[in-house]
C-alpha atoms as a PDB file:
ATOM      1  CA  MET A   1     110.146  97.724 157.902  1.00  0.00           C
ATOM      2  CA  GLN A   2     111.588  97.768 154.398  1.00  0.00           C
ATOM      3  CA  ILE A   3     114.523  95.609 153.387  1.00  0.00           C
ATOM      4  CA  GLU A   4     116.326  96.413 150.142  1.00  0.00           C
ATOM      5  CA  ALA A   5     118.328  93.743 148.377  1.00  0.00           C
ATOM      6  CA  ARG A   6     120.035  93.239 145.045  1.00  0.00           C
ATOM      7  CA  LEU A   7     121.821  90.403 143.329  1.00  0.00           C
ATOM      8  CA  ARG A   8     125.586  90.349 143.669  1.00  0.00           C
ATOM      9  CA  ASP A   9     126.354  88.380 140.534  1.00  0.00           C
ATOM     10  CA  ARG A  10     124.829  89.848 137.396  1.00  0.00           C
ATOM     11  CA  SER A  11     125.736  86.952 135.150  1.00  0.00           C
ATOM     12  CA  THR A  12     124.045  83.612 134.703  1.00  0.00           C
ATOM     13  CA  VAL A  13     123.332  80.964 132.105  1.00  0.00           C
ATOM     14  CA  CYS A  14     120.413  81.079 129.683  1.00  0.00           C
ATOM     15  CA  PRO A  15     117.701  78.597 130.763  1.00  0.00           C
ATOM     16  CA  ASP A  16     117.322  77.317 127.172  1.00  0.00           C
ATOM     17  CA  CYS A  17     120.819  77.108 125.633  1.00  0.00           C
ATOM     18  CA  HIS A  18     122.922  77.194 128.859  1.00  0.00           C
ATOM     19  CA  VAL A  19     125.357  79.841 127.558  1.00  0.00           C
ATOM     20  CA  ARG A  20     126.685  82.253 130.218  1.00  0.00           C
ATOM     21  CA  THR A  21     125.857  85.924 129.654  1.00  0.00           C
ATOM     22  CA  GLN A  22     126.394  89.296 131.345  1.00  0.00           C
ATOM     23  CA  ARG A  23     124.685  91.600 128.803  1.00  0.00           C
ATOM     24  CA  ILE A  24     122.087  93.584 130.722  1.00  0.00           C
ATOM     25  CA  HIS A  25     118.803  94.344 128.981  1.00  0.00           C
ATOM     26  CA  SER A  26     117.119  96.238 131.818  1.00  0.00           C
ATOM     27  CA  LEU A  27     116.847  96.608 135.573  1.00  0.00           C
ATOM     28  CA  TYR A  28     113.644  96.206 137.532  1.00  0.00           C
ATOM     29  CA  ARG A  29     112.466  96.141 141.112  1.00  0.00           C
ATOM     30  CA  ARG A  30     110.036  93.752 142.777  1.00  0.00           C
ATOM     31  CA  THR A  31     108.232  94.550 146.005  1.00  0.00           C
ATOM     32  CA  LEU A  32     107.252  91.544 148.113  1.00  0.00           C
ATOM     33  CA  SER A  33     105.471  91.271 151.441  1.00  0.00           C
ATOM     34  CA  ASP A  34     107.017  88.814 153.897  1.00  0.00           C
ATOM     35  CA  LEU A  35     106.287  87.462 157.358  1.00  0.00           C
ATOM     36  CA  PRO A  36     106.317  90.065 160.142  1.00  0.00           C
ATOM     37  CA  TRP A  37     109.410  90.627 162.253  1.00  0.00           C
ATOM     38  CA  GLN A  38     109.116  91.781 165.874  1.00  0.00           C
ATOM     39  CA  GLY A  39     105.465  92.662 165.272  1.00  0.00           C
ATOM     40  CA  ARG A  40     106.236  94.858 162.255  1.00  0.00           C
ATOM     41  CA  ARG A  41     105.171  94.321 158.674  1.00  0.00           C
ATOM     42  CA  VAL A  42     108.092  93.515 156.369  1.00  0.00           C
ATOM     43  CA  THR A  43     108.430  94.580 152.755  1.00  0.00           C
ATOM     44  CA  LEU A  44     111.266  93.278 150.594  1.00  0.00           C
ATOM     45  CA  ARG A  45     112.388  95.492 147.725  1.00  0.00           C
ATOM     46  CA  VAL A  46     114.511  93.346 145.444  1.00  0.00           C
ATOM     47  CA  SER A  47     116.419  94.782 142.479  1.00  0.00           C
ATOM     48  CA  SER A  48     117.002  92.331 139.671  1.00  0.00           C
ATOM     49  CA  VAL A  49     118.129  92.330 136.049  1.00  0.00           C
ATOM     50  CA  ARG A  50     116.841  91.090 132.721  1.00  0.00           C
ATOM     51  CA  LEU A  51     119.655  89.777 130.508  1.00  0.00           C
ATOM     52  CA  TYR A  52     120.159  89.184 126.790  1.00  0.00           C
ATOM     53  CA  CYS A  53     121.079  85.696 125.592  1.00  0.00           C
ATOM     54  CA  ASN A  54     124.430  85.731 123.732  1.00  0.00           C
ATOM     55  CA  SER A  55     123.778  82.639 121.623  1.00  0.00           C
ATOM     56  CA  ALA A  56     122.717  83.417 118.035  1.00  0.00           C
ATOM     57  CA  GLY A  57     120.759  80.164 117.681  1.00  0.00           C
ATOM     58  CA  CYS A  58     118.774  80.498 120.907  1.00  0.00           C
ATOM     59  CA  ARG A  59     115.035  81.220 120.659  1.00  0.00           C
ATOM     60  CA  ARG A  60     115.028  83.122 123.947  1.00  0.00           C
ATOM     61  CA  ARG A  61     116.216  86.715 123.504  1.00  0.00           C
ATOM     62  CA  THR A  62     115.921  87.924 127.101  1.00  0.00           C
ATOM     63  CA  PHE A  63     115.436  86.279 130.480  1.00  0.00           C
ATOM     64  CA  VAL A  64     115.381  87.149 134.153  1.00  0.00           C
ATOM     65  CA  ILE A  65     117.673  85.818 136.851  1.00  0.00           C
ATOM     66  CA  PRO A  66     115.344  83.850 139.168  1.00  0.00           C
ATOM     67  CA  LEU A  67     115.289  85.221 142.709  1.00  0.00           C
ATOM     68  CA  SER A  68     114.971  81.884 144.505  1.00  0.00           C
ATOM     69  CA  ASP A  69     112.438  79.328 145.632  1.00  0.00           C
ATOM     70  CA  MET A  70     110.996  81.875 148.065  1.00  0.00           C
ATOM     71  CA  THR A  71     109.010  83.674 145.346  1.00  0.00           C
ATOM     72  CA  VAL A  72     106.651  82.879 142.525  1.00  0.00           C
ATOM     73  CA  PRO A  73     106.694  85.004 139.351  1.00  0.00           C
ATOM     74  CA  TYR A  74     104.142  87.859 139.346  1.00  0.00           C
ATOM     75  CA  ARG A  75     103.115  87.361 142.984  1.00  0.00           C
ATOM     76  CA  ARG A  76     103.457  90.097 145.588  1.00  0.00           C
ATOM     77  CA  HIS A  77     104.012  87.809 148.585  1.00  0.00           C
ATOM     78  CA  THR A  78     106.767  85.414 149.533  1.00  0.00           C
ATOM     79  CA  MET A  79     105.886  81.723 149.708  1.00  0.00           C
ATOM     80  CA  ARG A  80     106.212  81.871 153.524  1.00  0.00           C
ATOM     81  CA  LEU A  81     103.520  84.542 153.789  1.00  0.00           C
ATOM     82  CA  THR A  82     101.297  82.708 151.303  1.00  0.00           C
ATOM     83  CA  ASP A  83     101.593  79.547 153.405  1.00  0.00           C
ATOM     84  CA  LEU A  84     100.612  81.470 156.543  1.00  0.00           C
ATOM     85  CA  HIS A  85      97.558  82.890 154.767  1.00  0.00           C
ATOM     86  CA  HIS A  86      96.567  79.347 153.729  1.00  0.00           C
ATOM     87  CA  TYR A  87      96.823  78.130 157.333  1.00  0.00           C
ATOM     88  CA  VAL A  88      94.730  81.061 158.589  1.00  0.00           C
ATOM     89  CA  ALA A  89      92.152  80.454 155.848  1.00  0.00           C
ATOM     90  CA  HIS A  90      91.820  76.771 156.780  1.00  0.00           C
ATOM     91  CA  ALA A  91      91.590  77.560 160.485  1.00  0.00           C
ATOM     92  CA  SER A  92      89.165  80.490 160.358  1.00  0.00           C
ATOM     93  CA  GLY A  93      88.387  81.601 156.817  1.00  0.00           C
ATOM     94  CA  GLY A  94      86.434  84.670 155.691  1.00  0.00           C
ATOM     95  CA  PRO A  95      86.108  87.749 157.923  1.00  0.00           C
ATOM     96  CA  ALA A  96      87.278  85.899 161.048  1.00  0.00           C
ATOM     97  CA  GLY A  97      90.448  84.821 159.231  1.00  0.00           C
ATOM     98  CA  ALA A  98      91.036  88.366 158.010  1.00  0.00           C
ATOM     99  CA  ARG A  99      90.812  89.649 161.598  1.00  0.00           C
ATOM    100  CA  ARG A 100      93.217  86.927 162.764  1.00  0.00           C
ATOM    101  CA  ALA A 101      95.675  87.765 159.982  1.00  0.00           C
ATOM    102  CA  GLU A 102      95.493  91.444 160.959  1.00  0.00           C
ATOM    103  CA  ARG A 103      96.417  90.519 164.558  1.00  0.00           C
ATOM    104  CA  LEU A 104      99.339  88.489 163.200  1.00  0.00           C
ATOM    105  CA  ARG A 105     100.473  91.612 161.295  1.00  0.00           C
ATOM    106  CA  CYS A 106      99.866  89.851 157.955  1.00  0.00           C
ATOM    107  CA  PRO A 107      96.753  91.641 156.689  1.00  0.00           C
ATOM    108  CA  VAL A 108      94.740  90.043 153.917  1.00  0.00           C
ATOM    109  CA  SER A 109      91.147  90.538 152.818  1.00  0.00           C
ATOM    110  CA  ALA A 110      88.397  88.066 153.658  1.00  0.00           C
ATOM    111  CA  ASP A 111      87.744  87.560 149.932  1.00  0.00           C
ATOM    112  CA  THR A 112      91.375  86.621 149.331  1.00  0.00           C
ATOM    113  CA  LEU A 113      91.234  84.046 152.120  1.00  0.00           C
END
């Protein structure tokens, strides 16, 4: 199952100088794996924007609107799925944990666990 989402508000404040901006630098899409739903694997496709900072004195030229606390930059899984993988790794670990994760519809390699 794929869920597509995008941000409604395309304006925010710069994390350094706190000046509100709407100037779009670029658009990008992140693909994240999430916990299964009804026994099906879930993939979130989130469209986001990179913005320019309007302040002339600010060191930061561009920045991204953070998605939320559910993700970590550069990761391909939500925090919920990462937590589940940690629990499986502590309970079983290695190849047995990988088989358990596959049954839970959250596949991950034994090396990753």
